[in-house]
Amino acid sequence: MRRYRSYKFTAKHHSKGGVRSSIAGAISLLCTSLGIYFAFCAKGNAGNYLALFGVAAIGSCIYGAIVGNQSFKEEECYYLFSRLGTTVNLVLIIFWIAVLGMGILI
């Protein structure tokens, strides 16, 4: 029996909210990494300027999680970036809650 090759043409695209969520997750991950690196280089004696990295990372990951969650409502699109961005942002939110919790308790 012969197998026929078929092509499926579709008008699907990546969701715009998912792409924004992934970009926000990348920015948040970059700010978090830079903050950790500079704090390590300063041997824990970094000034308040390093808090800017943390505030930017927290704001970015909250924005990314909200936009990523809303991007699942878009129709006829791929959800790869939506899943990726939402997952990265939620993991970073959990990380920042843990860091803030340790700062309050210690």
C-alpha atoms as a PDB file:
ATOM      1  CA  MET A   1       0.000   0.000   0.000  1.00  0.00           C
ATOM      2  CA  ARG A   2       1.396   3.352  -0.966  1.00  0.00           C
ATOM      3  CA  ARG A   3       1.711   6.144   1.566  1.00  0.00           C
ATOM      4  CA  TYR A   4       0.749   9.553   0.333  1.00  0.00           C
ATOM      5  CA  ARG A   5       2.668  12.579   1.419  1.00  0.00           C
ATOM      6  CA  SER A   6       0.450  15.351   2.522  1.00  0.00           C
ATOM      7  CA  TYR A   7       1.296  18.873   3.412  1.00  0.00           C
ATOM      8  CA  LYS A   8      -0.657  20.881   5.860  1.00  0.00           C
ATOM      9  CA  PHE A   9      -0.608  24.606   5.425  1.00  0.00           C
ATOM     10  CA  THR A  10      -1.724  26.542   8.427  1.00  0.00           C
ATOM     11  CA  ALA A  11      -1.865  30.144   9.447  1.00  0.00           C
ATOM     12  CA  LYS A  12      -0.734  29.455  12.996  1.00  0.00           C
ATOM     13  CA  HIS A  13       1.839  31.699  14.597  1.00  0.00           C
ATOM     14  CA  HIS A  14       3.446  32.056  18.004  1.00  0.00           C
ATOM     15  CA  SER A  15       1.334  33.952  20.492  1.00  0.00           C
ATOM     16  CA  LYS A  16       2.429  37.534  21.024  1.00  0.00           C
ATOM     17  CA  GLY A  17       1.873  37.299  24.765  1.00  0.00           C
ATOM     18  CA  GLY A  18       4.001  34.165  24.906  1.00  0.00           C
ATOM     19  CA  VAL A  19       6.876  35.885  23.144  1.00  0.00           C
ATOM     20  CA  ARG A  20       6.583  38.871  25.515  1.00  0.00           C
ATOM     21  CA  SER A  21       6.512  36.498  28.470  1.00  0.00           C
ATOM     22  CA  SER A  22       9.647  34.722  27.266  1.00  0.00           C
ATOM     23  CA  ILE A  23      11.463  38.025  26.766  1.00  0.00           C
ATOM     24  CA  ALA A  24      10.431  39.160  30.245  1.00  0.00           C
ATOM     25  CA  GLY A  25      11.679  35.844  31.639  1.00  0.00           C
ATOM     26  CA  ALA A  26      15.019  36.277  29.894  1.00  0.00           C
ATOM     27  CA  ILE A  27      15.359  39.821  31.256  1.00  0.00           C
ATOM     28  CA  SER A  28      14.452  38.633  34.739  1.00  0.00           C
ATOM     29  CA  LEU A  29      16.921  35.749  34.533  1.00  0.00           C
ATOM     30  CA  LEU A  30      19.644  38.123  33.317  1.00  0.00           C
ATOM     31  CA  CYS A  31      18.990  40.620  36.138  1.00  0.00           C
ATOM     32  CA  THR A  32      18.972  37.824  38.709  1.00  0.00           C
ATOM     33  CA  SER A  33      22.223  36.376  37.375  1.00  0.00           C
ATOM     34  CA  LEU A  34      23.935  39.781  37.282  1.00  0.00           C
ATOM     35  CA  GLY A  35      22.787  40.553  40.819  1.00  0.00           C
ATOM     36  CA  ILE A  36      24.139  37.255  42.127  1.00  0.00           C
ATOM     37  CA  TYR A  37      27.410  37.687  40.235  1.00  0.00           C
ATOM     38  CA  PHE A  38      28.039  41.238  41.481  1.00  0.00           C
ATOM     39  CA  ALA A  39      27.105  40.288  45.045  1.00  0.00           C
ATOM     40  CA  PHE A  40      29.553  37.396  44.867  1.00  0.00           C
ATOM     41  CA  CYS A  41      32.307  39.647  43.489  1.00  0.00           C
ATOM     42  CA  ALA A  42      31.712  42.166  46.299  1.00  0.00           C
ATOM     43  CA  LYS A  43      31.897  39.305  48.840  1.00  0.00           C
ATOM     44  CA  GLY A  44      28.460  40.155  50.199  1.00  0.00           C
ATOM     45  CA  ASN A  45      29.289  43.824  50.858  1.00  0.00           C
ATOM     46  CA  ALA A  46      27.525  45.265  47.831  1.00  0.00           C
ATOM     47  CA  GLY A  47      25.617  48.479  48.268  1.00  0.00           C
ATOM     48  CA  ASN A  48      21.996  49.289  47.698  1.00  0.00           C
ATOM     49  CA  TYR A  49      22.582  49.723  43.968  1.00  0.00           C
ATOM     50  CA  LEU A  50      22.413  45.958  43.663  1.00  0.00           C
ATOM     51  CA  ALA A  51      18.820  46.054  44.870  1.00  0.00           C
ATOM     52  CA  LEU A  52      17.950  47.566  41.493  1.00  0.00           C
ATOM     53  CA  PHE A  53      18.738  44.259  39.833  1.00  0.00           C
ATOM     54  CA  GLY A  54      16.419  42.492  42.258  1.00  0.00           C
ATOM     55  CA  VAL A  55      13.569  44.965  41.842  1.00  0.00           C
ATOM     56  CA  ALA A  56      13.896  44.822  38.050  1.00  0.00           C
ATOM     57  CA  ALA A  57      13.943  41.030  38.132  1.00  0.00           C
ATOM     58  CA  ILE A  58      10.897  40.808  40.401  1.00  0.00           C
ATOM     59  CA  GLY A  59       8.920  43.282  38.312  1.00  0.00           C
ATOM     60  CA  SER A  60       9.879  41.570  35.094  1.00  0.00           C
ATOM     61  CA  CYS A  61       8.987  38.071  36.276  1.00  0.00           C
ATOM     62  CA  ILE A  62       5.613  39.184  37.676  1.00  0.00           C
ATOM     63  CA  TYR A  63       4.810  40.928  34.383  1.00  0.00           C
ATOM     64  CA  GLY A  64       5.958  37.888  32.403  1.00  0.00           C
ATOM     65  CA  ALA A  65       3.871  35.483  34.465  1.00  0.00           C
ATOM     66  CA  ILE A  66       0.729  37.576  34.039  1.00  0.00           C
ATOM     67  CA  VAL A  67       1.202  38.083  30.294  1.00  0.00           C
ATOM     68  CA  GLY A  68       2.165  34.435  29.802  1.00  0.00           C
ATOM     69  CA  ASN A  69      -0.936  33.240  31.608  1.00  0.00           C
ATOM     70  CA  GLN A  70      -3.161  35.515  29.528  1.00  0.00           C
ATOM     71  CA  SER A  71      -1.507  34.376  26.287  1.00  0.00           C
ATOM     72  CA  PHE A  72      -3.113  30.930  26.590  1.00  0.00           C
ATOM     73  CA  LYS A  73      -6.431  32.581  25.674  1.00  0.00           C
ATOM     74  CA  GLU A  74      -5.198  33.450  22.173  1.00  0.00           C
ATOM     75  CA  GLU A  75      -6.600  31.163  19.496  1.00  0.00           C
ATOM     76  CA  GLU A  76      -4.989  29.565  16.468  1.00  0.00           C
ATOM     77  CA  CYS A  77      -1.408  29.896  17.635  1.00  0.00           C
ATOM     78  CA  TYR A  78       1.434  27.853  19.025  1.00  0.00           C
ATOM     79  CA  TYR A  79       1.891  27.875  22.789  1.00  0.00           C
ATOM     80  CA  LEU A  80       5.588  26.994  23.017  1.00  0.00           C
ATOM     81  CA  PHE A  81       6.715  30.455  24.123  1.00  0.00           C
ATOM     82  CA  SER A  82       3.699  30.768  26.392  1.00  0.00           C
ATOM     83  CA  ARG A  83       4.660  27.610  28.266  1.00  0.00           C
ATOM     84  CA  LEU A  84       8.349  28.464  28.315  1.00  0.00           C
ATOM     85  CA  GLY A  85       7.886  32.047  29.487  1.00  0.00           C
ATOM     86  CA  THR A  86       5.288  31.222  32.113  1.00  0.00           C
ATOM     87  CA  THR A  87       7.386  28.381  33.532  1.00  0.00           C
ATOM     88  CA  VAL A  88      10.575  30.451  33.751  1.00  0.00           C
ATOM     89  CA  ASN A  89       8.757  33.375  35.329  1.00  0.00           C
ATOM     90  CA  LEU A  90       6.961  31.225  37.908  1.00  0.00           C
ATOM     91  CA  VAL A  91      10.218  29.528  38.907  1.00  0.00           C
ATOM     92  CA  LEU A  92      11.846  32.954  39.314  1.00  0.00           C
ATOM     93  CA  ILE A  93       8.902  34.209  41.374  1.00  0.00           C
ATOM     94  CA  ILE A  94       9.314  31.221  43.712  1.00  0.00           C
ATOM     95  CA  PHE A  95      13.060  31.907  43.903  1.00  0.00           C
ATOM     96  CA  TRP A  96      12.526  35.582  44.777  1.00  0.00           C
ATOM     97  CA  ILE A  97       9.882  34.737  47.395  1.00  0.00           C
ATOM     98  CA  ALA A  98      12.425  32.382  48.992  1.00  0.00           C
ATOM     99  CA  VAL A  99      15.161  35.040  48.899  1.00  0.00           C
ATOM    100  CA  LEU A 100      12.881  37.680  50.409  1.00  0.00           C
ATOM    101  CA  GLY A 101      11.684  35.219  53.030  1.00  0.00           C
ATOM    102  CA  MET A 102      15.240  34.396  54.050  1.00  0.00           C
ATOM    103  CA  GLY A 103      16.026  38.100  54.233  1.00  0.00           C
ATOM    104  CA  ILE A 104      13.100  38.749  56.543  1.00  0.00           C
ATOM    105  CA  LEU A 105      13.732  35.756  58.812  1.00  0.00           C
ATOM    106  CA  ILE A 106      17.498  36.130  59.141  1.00  0.00           C
END
